[in-house]
Amino acid sequence: MGKRIVFLRAVMAFLIFALVARLFYIQIINYNFYSSKAMEQRIKSFKLLNRRGEIYDRHMIPFTDRDYRRYVFAIPKMMEDKGKAIEIISKITELPLEKIKEDFKKNKDYLKYEVKKDLNLNLPVGIFTLELPQRYSSNSLARHVIGYIGDKKMGLEETFDKVLTTDASDSIAVFTDGSRSDYIKGLGVKIQTAQEKVFGIKTTLDYHIQKVVEDVLDRHGIEGAAVVLEVTTGDILAMASRPNFDQNRIEDYLESTNEEFINKAVSGYPPGSIFKIIVAAAALESGKVSLEDTFYCSGSYDINGVIFHDFRGESHGFINIVKGFAVSCNTTFIRIGEITGANAILEMARKFGIEKDDGLPIPEHVGRLPKLSDTYGAGIGNLSIGQGEVLMTPLQAADIVATIANGGVRNIPRLVEAIVDDDGKEIKRFLPREPYRVLKSDTAQILRYMMRQVVVDPEGTGKRAETFCKSAGKTGSAEVNKELNIYHAWFVGFVPYENPKYSIAVFVKNGDTGGVKAAPIFKEIAEEIIKY
């Protein structure tokens, strides 16, 4: 009998010890877990907004979600005096009382309004204000690259939609009674932040360089585009197109004919005389033309009855390829084109990337070259001066210049560096594609010198592009309407001349000549980004 009592006491002691240990584990060690679980059973959540990954520049400066807007939230079931609450909401939102009263009758869990006037009022229970990020602001940059999200999509927002879209959301939490049918007014509300991972896109763009480019274009009211590339990598540092559009008001442009949605930086246009860079490259690389060869610039040139004129019929007499390039002599370059041959010129254009899809994550035109059969007879004249069937994008123009500035080695332009998390840690990196040689370094060096002469020669067409750090480039004036004297104006070049860092292409649609309209824009952009 005594042994049974001892055994029962031992069992009871063990059970009491186990119970105490379990209570200690629940109440002390795992208190936070069970407390939160109990609280969750008495919390009702309302979704505030879905989190979306951000789009960043190369230094993790965001292009999206930069601005915040203050909103007032009203939870009718938590209010003790709805009449007073409606009056307060009307004052800070500047909305009619009747409108808010009608909203309250809809029996919604919560109501949300934009704050128009901050009156610094003491808000009663059931009303609170909160600042929420705005995907796009009135001064958003790189809109033709970033694009937009909504009923329709465009740009990087469309290309990386699956990466940027998440199930994460921020929410409002209110405390309920045991039946979860009524809110406990004294406990207020809680803002719950999404815990799920959100991924963003890190681009090659530089926020500050992008802003410089856009500010310059807007200051001059330019319709066109500008592109800035990093010479040593091919990374796209800035890409801007005008006219611009408001990402928050897409419906305003659906019937527009002003081309707001067209990214002119990756659209094809007649290059005019900037194509002489390719003609000169083919002539020098093939050895068919040397610096000692001279040509007679008479002001006009006849090919099978088709007359090609120099600008304003100007004649420069006997000149070599360097002088012909500096003054952009059409007759000289048509003769150089005939000597070099259309096939060599077309092959050189393709080596530079014309007609090649480089796989950018946004839609781009690949450029256009004529068929070899279209270059026979007078066709070689059009090819040699960048007219006729030839089309080139401002991005391709900047790429050609970058290749020359980089010693003849082409780095394929890149727009996106990586997929990143909220902390900037790279989840997936998009490596640059393999660079390749387009020109011998000696040929590239000669072309760099020729481009410098465009800016410094007393008769050079690009004198207005000169900068304090020395620049080099080429003008282009693509004829659009001869009768009305309308041209697309181009200037493409690099800075600094001694140690090239940036390649810049400026395109002005229906502007003036390249030296008059585009060269000064190049100068402003170049000088500001070099200072930066």
Protein backbone atom coordinates (compact mmCIF):
# COMPACT_ATOMS: atom_id res chain seq x y z
CA MET A 1 0.00 0.00 0.00
CA GLY A 2 2.86 2.35 0.88
CA LYS A 3 4.54 1.69 -2.47
CA ARG A 4 1.35 2.63 -4.33
CA ILE A 5 1.10 5.92 -2.48
CA VAL A 6 4.73 6.71 -3.23
CA PHE A 7 4.19 5.86 -6.92
CA LEU A 8 1.04 8.02 -7.14
CA ARG A 9 2.83 10.93 -5.49
CA ALA A 10 5.69 10.60 -7.97
CA VAL A 11 3.26 10.56 -10.91
CA MET A 12 1.40 13.57 -9.51
CA ALA A 13 4.68 15.44 -8.97
CA PHE A 14 5.78 14.65 -12.51
CA LEU A 15 2.45 15.84 -13.95
CA ILE A 16 2.54 19.04 -11.89
CA PHE A 17 6.14 19.64 -13.02
CA ALA A 18 5.19 19.03 -16.65
CA LEU A 19 2.21 21.39 -16.33
CA VAL A 20 4.36 24.10 -14.72
CA ALA A 21 7.00 23.64 -17.43
CA ARG A 22 4.37 23.90 -20.16
CA LEU A 23 2.89 27.04 -18.59
CA PHE A 24 6.40 28.51 -18.27
CA TYR A 25 7.03 27.75 -21.95
CA ILE A 26 3.75 29.34 -23.02
CA GLN A 27 3.73 32.32 -20.65
CA ILE A 28 7.44 33.20 -20.63
CA ILE A 29 9.45 31.62 -23.45
CA ASN A 30 6.85 31.74 -26.23
CA TYR A 31 4.78 34.62 -24.89
CA ASN A 32 5.10 36.83 -27.96
CA PHE A 33 4.02 34.06 -30.34
CA TYR A 34 0.87 33.06 -28.47
CA SER A 35 0.04 36.66 -27.59
CA SER A 36 0.14 37.65 -31.25
CA LYS A 37 -1.94 34.62 -32.22
CA ALA A 38 -4.57 35.55 -29.69
CA MET A 39 -4.52 39.14 -30.89
CA GLU A 40 -4.84 38.06 -34.53
CA GLN A 41 -8.13 36.35 -33.66
CA ARG A 42 -9.47 39.73 -32.59
CA ILE A 43 -8.08 41.79 -35.49
CA LYS A 44 -9.82 42.55 -38.75
CA SER A 45 -7.63 43.81 -41.61
CA PHE A 46 -8.41 45.97 -44.63
CA LYS A 47 -5.95 46.19 -47.51
CA LEU A 48 -4.46 49.65 -48.01
CA LEU A 49 -2.34 49.11 -51.09
CA ASN A 50 -0.50 46.38 -52.93
CA ARG A 51 3.26 46.69 -52.72
CA ARG A 52 5.06 46.85 -56.08
CA GLY A 53 8.78 46.62 -56.63
CA GLU A 54 10.59 49.87 -57.39
CA ILE A 55 12.66 50.77 -60.44
CA TYR A 56 16.06 52.24 -59.53
CA ASP A 57 18.98 53.95 -61.17
CA ARG A 58 22.49 52.47 -61.09
CA HIS A 59 23.06 53.95 -57.58
CA MET A 60 19.74 52.63 -56.20
CA ILE A 61 18.03 56.03 -56.44
CA PRO A 62 14.36 55.24 -57.16
CA PHE A 63 12.53 56.48 -60.24
CA THR A 64 9.19 55.26 -58.82
CA ASP A 65 7.41 55.79 -55.49
CA ARG A 66 9.44 58.95 -54.83
CA ASP A 67 6.58 61.16 -53.65
CA TYR A 68 4.03 60.65 -50.90
CA ARG A 69 0.51 61.97 -50.65
CA ARG A 70 -1.46 62.37 -47.40
CA TYR A 71 -4.84 60.67 -47.13
CA VAL A 72 -7.48 60.67 -44.42
CA PHE A 73 -9.08 57.34 -43.55
CA ALA A 74 -12.47 57.01 -41.90
CA ILE A 75 -13.77 53.84 -40.22
CA PRO A 76 -17.46 54.54 -39.58
CA LYS A 77 -18.03 51.62 -37.15
CA MET A 78 -15.41 53.04 -34.77
CA MET A 79 -16.97 56.49 -34.57
CA GLU A 80 -19.00 57.75 -31.65
CA ASP A 81 -20.12 60.98 -33.36
CA LYS A 82 -20.41 60.48 -37.13
CA GLY A 83 -21.81 63.95 -37.70
CA LYS A 84 -18.74 65.59 -36.22
CA ALA A 85 -16.49 63.19 -38.10
CA ILE A 86 -18.15 64.09 -41.41
CA GLU A 87 -17.61 67.81 -40.72
CA ILE A 88 -13.90 67.27 -39.99
CA ILE A 89 -13.40 65.17 -43.12
CA SER A 90 -15.17 67.81 -45.22
CA LYS A 91 -12.86 70.52 -43.90
CA ILE A 92 -9.57 68.73 -44.54
CA THR A 93 -10.62 67.28 -47.91
CA GLU A 94 -12.56 70.33 -49.14
CA LEU A 95 -15.31 67.95 -50.28
CA PRO A 96 -19.05 68.81 -49.85
CA LEU A 97 -20.70 67.50 -46.71
CA GLU A 98 -23.41 65.81 -48.76
CA LYS A 99 -20.85 63.82 -50.72
CA ILE A 100 -19.26 62.44 -47.55
CA LYS A 101 -22.67 61.70 -45.99
CA GLU A 102 -23.57 59.64 -49.03
CA ASP A 103 -20.30 57.74 -48.73
CA PHE A 104 -21.02 56.94 -45.07
CA LYS A 105 -24.37 55.41 -46.06
CA LYS A 106 -22.61 52.83 -48.28
CA ASN A 107 -21.68 50.74 -45.23
CA LYS A 108 -18.04 50.31 -46.28
CA ASP A 109 -15.41 49.06 -43.84
CA TYR A 110 -13.38 52.21 -44.40
CA LEU A 111 -13.38 55.34 -46.56
CA LYS A 112 -10.32 57.06 -48.02
CA TYR A 113 -9.93 60.68 -49.17
CA GLU A 114 -7.00 62.83 -50.24
CA VAL A 115 -6.09 65.55 -47.75
CA LYS A 116 -6.28 68.98 -49.37
CA LYS A 117 -5.83 71.20 -46.31
CA ASP A 118 -3.82 70.39 -43.18
CA LEU A 119 -5.73 72.10 -40.36
CA ASN A 120 -3.82 70.44 -37.50
CA LEU A 121 -7.08 69.23 -35.92
CA ASN A 122 -7.40 66.67 -33.15
CA LEU A 123 -8.94 63.75 -34.98
CA PRO A 124 -11.55 61.69 -33.11
CA VAL A 125 -11.48 57.90 -32.86
CA GLY A 126 -12.18 56.32 -36.23
CA ILE A 127 -10.32 58.96 -38.28
CA PHE A 128 -6.60 59.00 -38.99
CA THR A 129 -4.26 60.32 -41.70
CA LEU A 130 -1.52 58.44 -43.48
CA GLU A 131 1.02 59.24 -46.19
CA LEU A 132 1.07 56.74 -49.05
CA PRO A 133 3.64 56.48 -51.87
CA GLN A 134 2.59 57.58 -55.35
CA ARG A 135 3.89 55.32 -58.12
CA TYR A 136 4.43 58.30 -60.42
CA SER A 137 4.83 61.96 -59.55
CA SER A 138 4.45 65.13 -61.57
CA ASN A 139 8.23 65.38 -62.01
CA SER A 140 8.97 61.70 -62.73
CA LEU A 141 12.01 61.08 -64.92
CA ALA A 142 12.69 58.61 -67.76
CA ARG A 143 8.98 58.08 -68.44
CA HIS A 144 9.51 56.53 -71.88
CA VAL A 145 11.85 53.98 -70.27
CA ILE A 146 10.00 53.32 -67.01
CA GLY A 147 6.63 53.28 -68.78
CA TYR A 148 3.47 52.87 -66.75
CA ILE A 149 1.19 50.25 -65.20
CA GLY A 150 -2.58 50.18 -65.36
CA ASP A 151 -5.20 48.92 -67.79
CA LYS A 152 -2.41 49.15 -70.33
CA LYS A 153 1.31 48.67 -69.72
CA MET A 154 4.47 50.08 -71.26
CA GLY A 155 8.24 50.14 -70.80
CA LEU A 156 10.10 48.40 -67.98
CA GLU A 157 6.84 48.27 -66.01
CA GLU A 158 5.50 45.92 -68.69
CA THR A 159 8.68 43.93 -69.37
CA PHE A 160 9.32 43.18 -65.69
CA ASP A 161 5.70 43.12 -64.53
CA LYS A 162 5.98 39.58 -63.12
CA VAL A 163 9.07 40.55 -61.12
CA LEU A 164 7.62 43.79 -59.77
CA THR A 165 4.17 42.38 -58.97
CA THR A 166 3.87 40.78 -55.51
CA ASP A 167 1.23 39.48 -53.11
CA ALA A 168 2.59 41.79 -50.44
CA SER A 169 0.27 44.50 -49.18
CA ASP A 170 0.05 47.04 -46.38
CA SER A 171 -3.19 47.02 -44.40
CA ILE A 172 -5.24 48.70 -41.67
CA ALA A 173 -5.94 46.52 -38.64
CA VAL A 174 -8.84 47.20 -36.23
CA PHE A 175 -9.57 45.36 -32.98
CA THR A 176 -12.89 43.54 -32.62
CA ASP A 177 -14.86 42.05 -29.74
CA GLY A 178 -15.15 38.31 -29.19
CA SER A 179 -17.84 37.93 -31.83
CA ARG A 180 -15.71 39.95 -34.36
CA SER A 181 -18.89 41.82 -35.24
CA ASP A 182 -18.09 45.10 -33.49
CA TYR A 183 -14.93 47.23 -33.29
CA ILE A 184 -13.36 48.08 -29.92
CA LYS A 185 -13.22 51.85 -30.18
CA GLY A 186 -10.69 52.48 -27.40
CA LEU A 187 -7.91 50.46 -29.01
CA GLY A 188 -7.66 52.48 -32.20
CA VAL A 189 -6.10 51.11 -35.37
CA LYS A 190 -2.82 49.52 -36.34
CA ILE A 191 -0.96 49.80 -39.66
CA GLN A 192 0.38 46.43 -40.76
CA THR A 193 3.36 46.52 -43.14
CA ALA A 194 3.86 43.74 -45.67
CA GLN A 195 6.43 41.15 -44.61
CA GLU A 196 6.74 39.41 -47.96
CA LYS A 197 9.79 39.96 -50.15
CA VAL A 198 9.46 42.67 -52.81
CA PHE A 199 11.84 42.77 -55.77
CA GLY A 200 12.84 45.76 -57.87
CA ILE A 201 14.77 46.54 -61.04
CA LYS A 202 18.18 48.23 -61.01
CA THR A 203 18.79 50.02 -64.30
CA THR A 204 22.00 51.44 -65.80
CA LEU A 205 20.47 54.92 -65.86
CA ASP A 206 22.02 57.65 -63.73
CA TYR A 207 19.27 59.68 -62.05
CA HIS A 208 21.25 62.92 -62.03
CA ILE A 209 22.43 62.64 -65.65
CA GLN A 210 18.89 61.76 -66.71
CA LYS A 211 17.62 64.90 -64.97
CA VAL A 212 20.24 67.06 -66.69
CA VAL A 213 19.24 65.72 -70.11
CA GLU A 214 15.52 66.21 -69.53
CA ASP A 215 15.97 69.68 -68.05
CA VAL A 216 17.98 70.81 -71.09
CA LEU A 217 15.44 69.40 -73.57
CA ASP A 218 12.57 71.05 -71.70
CA ARG A 219 14.39 74.35 -71.35
CA HIS A 220 14.66 74.57 -75.14
CA GLY A 221 11.23 73.10 -75.89
CA ILE A 222 12.77 70.31 -77.97
CA GLU A 223 10.69 67.72 -79.81
CA GLY A 224 13.08 64.85 -80.26
CA ALA A 225 15.39 62.75 -78.12
CA ALA A 226 18.76 62.56 -76.39
CA VAL A 227 20.84 59.59 -75.27
CA VAL A 228 23.96 59.39 -73.09
CA LEU A 229 26.15 56.27 -73.06
CA GLU A 230 29.14 55.41 -70.92
CA VAL A 231 31.95 54.96 -73.44
CA THR A 232 33.87 52.22 -71.61
CA THR A 233 30.85 49.99 -70.85
CA GLY A 234 28.07 50.85 -73.31
CA ASP A 235 25.71 51.34 -70.36
CA ILE A 236 22.81 53.69 -71.09
CA LEU A 237 23.11 56.52 -68.56
CA ALA A 238 20.24 58.63 -69.87
CA MET A 239 17.46 58.27 -72.43
CA ALA A 240 14.86 60.96 -72.95
CA SER A 241 12.16 61.60 -75.52
CA ARG A 242 9.91 64.57 -76.12
CA PRO A 243 7.02 65.38 -76.05
CA ASN A 244 6.49 63.76 -72.68
CA PHE A 245 3.34 62.32 -71.07
CA ASP A 246 1.74 62.16 -67.62
CA GLN A 247 1.91 58.59 -66.28
CA ASN A 248 -1.13 59.25 -64.10
CA ARG A 249 -3.31 60.45 -67.00
CA ILE A 250 -2.69 57.93 -69.80
CA GLU A 251 -6.26 58.27 -71.08
CA ASP A 252 -5.55 61.89 -72.08
CA TYR A 253 -3.22 60.77 -74.86
CA LEU A 254 -5.04 57.80 -76.40
CA GLU A 255 -6.45 59.91 -79.24
CA SER A 256 -3.48 62.26 -79.51
CA THR A 257 -1.43 62.64 -82.71
CA ASN A 258 1.50 64.34 -80.97
CA GLU A 259 3.49 61.10 -80.49
CA GLU A 260 3.70 61.40 -76.69
CA PHE A 261 4.03 57.63 -76.27
CA ILE A 262 6.71 57.22 -78.95
CA ASN A 263 10.19 56.81 -77.52
CA LYS A 264 12.11 58.73 -80.17
CA ALA A 265 15.42 57.63 -78.66
CA VAL A 266 14.82 54.12 -80.05
CA SER A 267 12.84 55.09 -83.16
CA GLY A 268 14.38 55.18 -86.63
CA TYR A 269 14.95 58.48 -88.48
CA PRO A 270 17.02 59.53 -91.53
CA PRO A 271 20.50 60.22 -90.11
CA GLY A 272 21.67 62.69 -92.75
CA SER A 273 25.34 63.56 -92.49
CA ILE A 274 26.04 61.71 -89.23
CA PHE A 275 26.05 58.64 -91.50
CA LYS A 276 29.27 60.04 -92.98
CA ILE A 277 30.96 58.62 -89.88
CA ILE A 278 30.20 55.13 -91.22
CA VAL A 279 31.19 56.06 -94.78
CA ALA A 280 34.51 57.46 -93.52
CA ALA A 281 35.08 54.38 -91.34
CA ALA A 282 34.51 52.04 -94.31
CA ALA A 283 36.73 54.13 -96.61
CA LEU A 284 39.64 54.32 -94.18
CA GLU A 285 39.35 50.76 -92.85
CA SER A 286 39.32 49.31 -96.38
CA GLY A 287 42.33 51.39 -97.40
CA LYS A 288 40.52 52.69 -100.48
CA VAL A 289 40.81 56.26 -99.26
CA SER A 290 43.73 57.85 -97.41
CA LEU A 291 44.26 61.17 -95.67
CA GLU A 292 46.42 62.31 -98.58
CA ASP A 293 43.72 61.81 -101.22
CA THR A 294 42.05 65.02 -102.41
CA PHE A 295 38.61 65.61 -103.84
CA TYR A 296 37.12 68.60 -105.58
CA CYS A 297 34.11 70.03 -103.80
CA SER A 298 32.21 71.88 -106.51
CA GLY A 299 28.96 72.43 -104.65
CA SER A 300 27.03 69.85 -106.71
CA TYR A 301 27.49 66.36 -108.14
CA ASP A 302 25.71 64.63 -111.03
CA ILE A 303 25.03 60.87 -111.00
CA ASN A 304 23.08 59.69 -114.03
CA GLY A 305 21.18 62.92 -114.25
CA VAL A 306 20.42 63.12 -110.50
CA ILE A 307 21.98 66.27 -109.03
CA PHE A 308 23.19 66.20 -105.42
CA HIS A 309 23.93 69.57 -103.81
CA ASP A 310 26.07 70.70 -100.94
CA PHE A 311 24.34 72.77 -98.28
CA ARG A 312 23.41 76.08 -99.91
CA GLY A 313 25.46 75.05 -102.94
CA GLU A 314 28.71 75.95 -101.16
CA SER A 315 31.99 74.94 -102.85
CA HIS A 316 35.15 74.19 -100.85
CA GLY A 317 37.56 73.48 -103.69
CA PHE A 318 40.20 70.74 -103.32
CA ILE A 319 39.94 69.08 -99.91
CA ASN A 320 40.83 65.77 -98.26
CA ILE A 321 38.55 63.48 -96.25
CA VAL A 322 39.32 65.29 -92.98
CA LYS A 323 38.30 68.69 -94.32
CA GLY A 324 35.33 67.18 -96.18
CA PHE A 325 34.15 65.65 -92.91
CA ALA A 326 34.61 68.88 -90.95
CA VAL A 327 32.59 70.97 -93.41
CA SER A 328 30.22 68.05 -94.16
CA CYS A 329 30.77 68.25 -97.91
CA ASN A 330 28.15 66.08 -99.67
CA THR A 331 29.89 65.98 -103.04
CA THR A 332 33.16 64.85 -101.47
CA PHE A 333 31.48 62.07 -99.53
CA ILE A 334 29.47 60.87 -102.50
CA ARG A 335 32.77 60.52 -104.38
CA ILE A 336 34.26 58.71 -101.35
CA GLY A 337 31.21 56.45 -101.29
CA GLU A 338 31.68 55.58 -104.97
CA ILE A 339 35.35 54.72 -104.41
CA THR A 340 34.67 52.69 -101.24
CA GLY A 341 31.67 50.83 -102.66
CA ALA A 342 28.18 50.36 -101.26
CA ASN A 343 28.85 46.82 -100.09
CA ALA A 344 31.74 47.91 -97.81
CA ILE A 345 29.64 50.78 -96.42
CA LEU A 346 26.65 48.53 -95.70
CA GLU A 347 28.86 45.92 -94.04
CA MET A 348 30.47 48.59 -91.86
CA ALA A 349 27.02 49.87 -90.84
CA ARG A 350 26.02 46.35 -89.79
CA LYS A 351 29.25 45.91 -87.80
CA PHE A 352 28.32 49.09 -85.92
CA GLY A 353 24.96 47.50 -85.03
CA ILE A 354 22.56 48.95 -87.60
CA GLU A 355 19.79 46.39 -88.31
CA LYS A 356 20.87 44.37 -85.26
CA ASP A 357 18.55 43.58 -82.35
CA ASP A 358 20.58 44.07 -79.17
CA GLY A 359 17.85 42.68 -76.92
CA LEU A 360 16.94 45.76 -74.91
CA PRO A 361 14.07 45.21 -72.44
CA ILE A 362 12.03 47.92 -74.17
CA PRO A 363 10.81 47.98 -77.79
CA GLU A 364 13.36 49.48 -80.18
CA HIS A 365 13.72 50.01 -83.91
CA VAL A 366 16.74 48.17 -85.32
CA GLY A 367 17.48 50.76 -87.99
CA ARG A 368 17.27 50.25 -91.73
CA LEU A 369 19.70 50.01 -94.62
CA PRO A 370 18.92 49.86 -98.35
CA LYS A 371 19.30 46.70 -100.38
CA LEU A 372 22.54 46.55 -102.32
CA SER A 373 20.53 46.78 -105.55
CA ASP A 374 19.06 50.10 -104.36
CA THR A 375 22.55 51.62 -104.14
CA TYR A 376 23.30 51.32 -107.84
CA GLY A 377 23.55 54.53 -109.87
CA ALA A 378 22.26 57.52 -107.92
CA GLY A 379 21.51 55.23 -104.95
CA ILE A 380 25.15 55.43 -103.83
CA GLY A 381 24.67 59.20 -103.53
CA ASN A 382 21.83 58.84 -101.04
CA LEU A 383 23.68 56.17 -99.06
CA SER A 384 26.85 58.25 -98.80
CA ILE A 385 25.05 61.20 -97.19
CA GLY A 386 22.58 59.25 -95.03
CA GLN A 387 19.44 59.90 -97.06
CA GLY A 388 17.02 57.64 -98.93
CA GLU A 389 16.27 54.31 -97.26
CA VAL A 390 18.72 54.73 -94.38
CA LEU A 391 17.20 54.96 -90.87
CA MET A 392 19.00 55.14 -87.56
CA THR A 393 17.92 55.62 -83.94
CA PRO A 394 19.50 58.17 -81.58
CA LEU A 395 20.60 55.23 -79.41
CA GLN A 396 22.38 53.66 -82.40
CA ALA A 397 24.01 57.01 -83.21
CA ALA A 398 25.34 57.31 -79.66
CA ASP A 399 26.51 53.68 -79.86
CA ILE A 400 28.50 54.34 -83.06
CA VAL A 401 30.24 57.31 -81.45
CA ALA A 402 30.95 55.34 -78.27
CA THR A 403 32.57 52.59 -80.35
CA ILE A 404 34.90 55.08 -82.01
CA ALA A 405 35.68 56.82 -78.70
CA ASN A 406 36.41 53.37 -77.20
CA GLY A 407 39.16 52.67 -79.72
CA GLY A 408 36.99 50.77 -82.19
CA VAL A 409 35.57 48.22 -79.73
CA ARG A 410 31.79 48.06 -79.47
CA ASN A 411 30.13 47.51 -76.11
CA ILE A 412 26.52 46.46 -76.69
CA PRO A 413 24.22 49.00 -74.99
CA ARG A 414 22.69 47.78 -71.73
CA LEU A 415 19.70 49.23 -69.87
CA VAL A 416 19.12 46.91 -66.88
CA GLU A 417 21.78 45.74 -64.43
CA ALA A 418 19.94 43.45 -62.04
CA ILE A 419 16.86 42.31 -60.15
CA VAL A 420 17.31 43.46 -56.54
CA ASP A 421 15.54 43.15 -53.19
CA ASP A 422 14.49 46.05 -50.95
CA ASP A 423 18.00 46.25 -49.48
CA GLY A 424 19.64 46.52 -52.89
CA LYS A 425 21.03 42.99 -52.82
CA GLU A 426 21.28 41.62 -56.35
CA ILE A 427 19.07 38.56 -56.85
CA LYS A 428 19.82 38.17 -60.55
CA ARG A 429 22.44 40.08 -62.51
CA PHE A 430 22.19 40.79 -66.23
CA LEU A 431 25.77 40.62 -67.44
CA PRO A 432 26.96 42.79 -70.34
CA ARG A 433 27.17 40.99 -73.65
CA GLU A 434 30.58 40.24 -75.13
CA PRO A 435 32.15 43.33 -76.74
CA TYR A 436 33.71 43.02 -80.18
CA ARG A 437 36.05 44.99 -82.39
CA VAL A 438 34.48 47.00 -85.22
CA LEU A 439 37.50 49.04 -86.31
CA LYS A 440 41.26 48.88 -86.03
CA SER A 441 42.42 51.18 -83.25
CA ASP A 442 44.36 53.30 -85.78
CA THR A 443 41.19 53.88 -87.82
CA ALA A 444 39.27 54.80 -84.68
CA GLN A 445 41.99 57.26 -83.71
CA ILE A 446 41.77 58.98 -87.12
CA LEU A 447 37.97 59.19 -86.85
CA ARG A 448 38.27 60.73 -83.38
CA TYR A 449 40.60 63.36 -84.82
CA MET A 450 38.19 64.02 -87.72
CA MET A 451 35.32 64.47 -85.27
CA ARG A 452 37.41 66.93 -83.30
CA GLN A 453 37.96 68.97 -86.46
CA VAL A 454 34.17 69.29 -86.91
CA VAL A 455 34.21 71.35 -83.71
CA VAL A 456 37.48 73.30 -84.00
CA ASP A 457 37.91 73.90 -87.75
CA PRO A 458 37.01 77.55 -88.53
CA GLU A 459 34.61 76.23 -91.18
CA GLY A 460 33.48 73.23 -89.13
CA THR A 461 29.76 72.60 -88.88
CA GLY A 462 29.88 71.74 -85.15
CA LYS A 463 31.59 74.79 -83.64
CA ARG A 464 28.62 75.39 -81.32
CA ALA A 465 29.23 72.01 -79.67
CA GLU A 466 32.64 72.96 -78.23
CA THR A 467 32.91 72.57 -74.44
CA PHE A 468 35.40 73.56 -71.75
CA CYS A 469 36.61 69.93 -71.69
CA LYS A 470 36.99 69.72 -75.49
CA SER A 471 34.40 67.83 -77.50
CA ALA A 472 34.30 65.95 -80.80
CA GLY A 473 31.39 64.92 -82.97
CA LYS A 474 29.42 65.20 -86.17
CA THR A 475 26.47 67.26 -87.30
CA GLY A 476 23.59 65.93 -89.35
CA SER A 477 20.77 67.70 -91.16
CA ALA A 478 18.42 65.11 -92.64
CA GLU A 479 16.22 66.62 -95.31
CA VAL A 480 12.51 66.15 -94.55
CA ASN A 481 10.89 68.67 -96.88
CA LYS A 482 13.08 70.45 -99.43
CA GLU A 483 10.42 72.97 -100.47
CA LEU A 484 9.67 74.01 -96.88
CA ASN A 485 13.35 73.78 -95.84
CA ILE A 486 12.58 71.34 -92.98
CA TYR A 487 15.33 69.16 -91.51
CA HIS A 488 15.82 66.68 -88.69
CA ALA A 489 18.76 68.12 -86.76
CA TRP A 490 21.44 65.83 -85.29
CA PHE A 491 24.60 66.18 -83.28
CA VAL A 492 26.44 63.11 -82.04
CA GLY A 493 29.73 63.28 -80.19
CA PHE A 494 31.81 62.44 -77.13
CA VAL A 495 33.48 64.23 -74.20
CA PRO A 496 36.12 64.78 -73.03
CA TYR A 497 38.19 64.54 -76.21
CA GLU A 498 41.40 63.36 -74.49
CA ASN A 499 39.88 60.65 -72.28
CA PRO A 500 36.36 59.98 -73.59
CA LYS A 501 33.79 59.22 -70.92
CA TYR A 502 30.38 60.04 -72.40
CA SER A 503 28.90 59.53 -75.85
CA ILE A 504 25.91 61.79 -76.48
CA ALA A 505 23.37 61.83 -79.30
CA VAL A 506 20.95 64.73 -79.74
CA PHE A 507 18.08 64.49 -82.23
CA VAL A 508 15.67 67.37 -82.93
CA LYS A 509 12.69 66.41 -85.05
CA ASN A 510 11.74 68.93 -87.75
CA GLY A 511 14.23 71.34 -86.26
CA ASP A 512 16.92 73.22 -88.17
CA THR A 513 20.39 72.23 -89.28
CA GLY A 514 22.37 70.08 -86.86
CA GLY A 515 25.00 72.73 -86.24
CA VAL A 516 22.39 75.37 -85.40
CA LYS A 517 19.83 73.40 -83.39
CA ALA A 518 21.37 70.18 -82.04
CA ALA A 519 25.00 71.19 -81.39
CA PRO A 520 24.14 73.76 -78.66
CA ILE A 521 21.94 71.18 -76.92
CA PHE A 522 24.87 68.74 -76.95
CA LYS A 523 27.12 71.43 -75.45
CA GLU A 524 24.74 72.14 -72.56
CA ILE A 525 24.22 68.48 -71.73
CA ALA A 526 27.93 67.66 -71.98
CA GLU A 527 29.10 70.54 -69.80
CA GLU A 528 26.54 69.86 -67.08
CA ILE A 529 27.18 66.13 -66.83
CA ILE A 530 30.97 66.59 -66.92
CA LYS A 531 30.67 68.95 -63.91
CA TYR A 532 28.50 66.35 -62.18
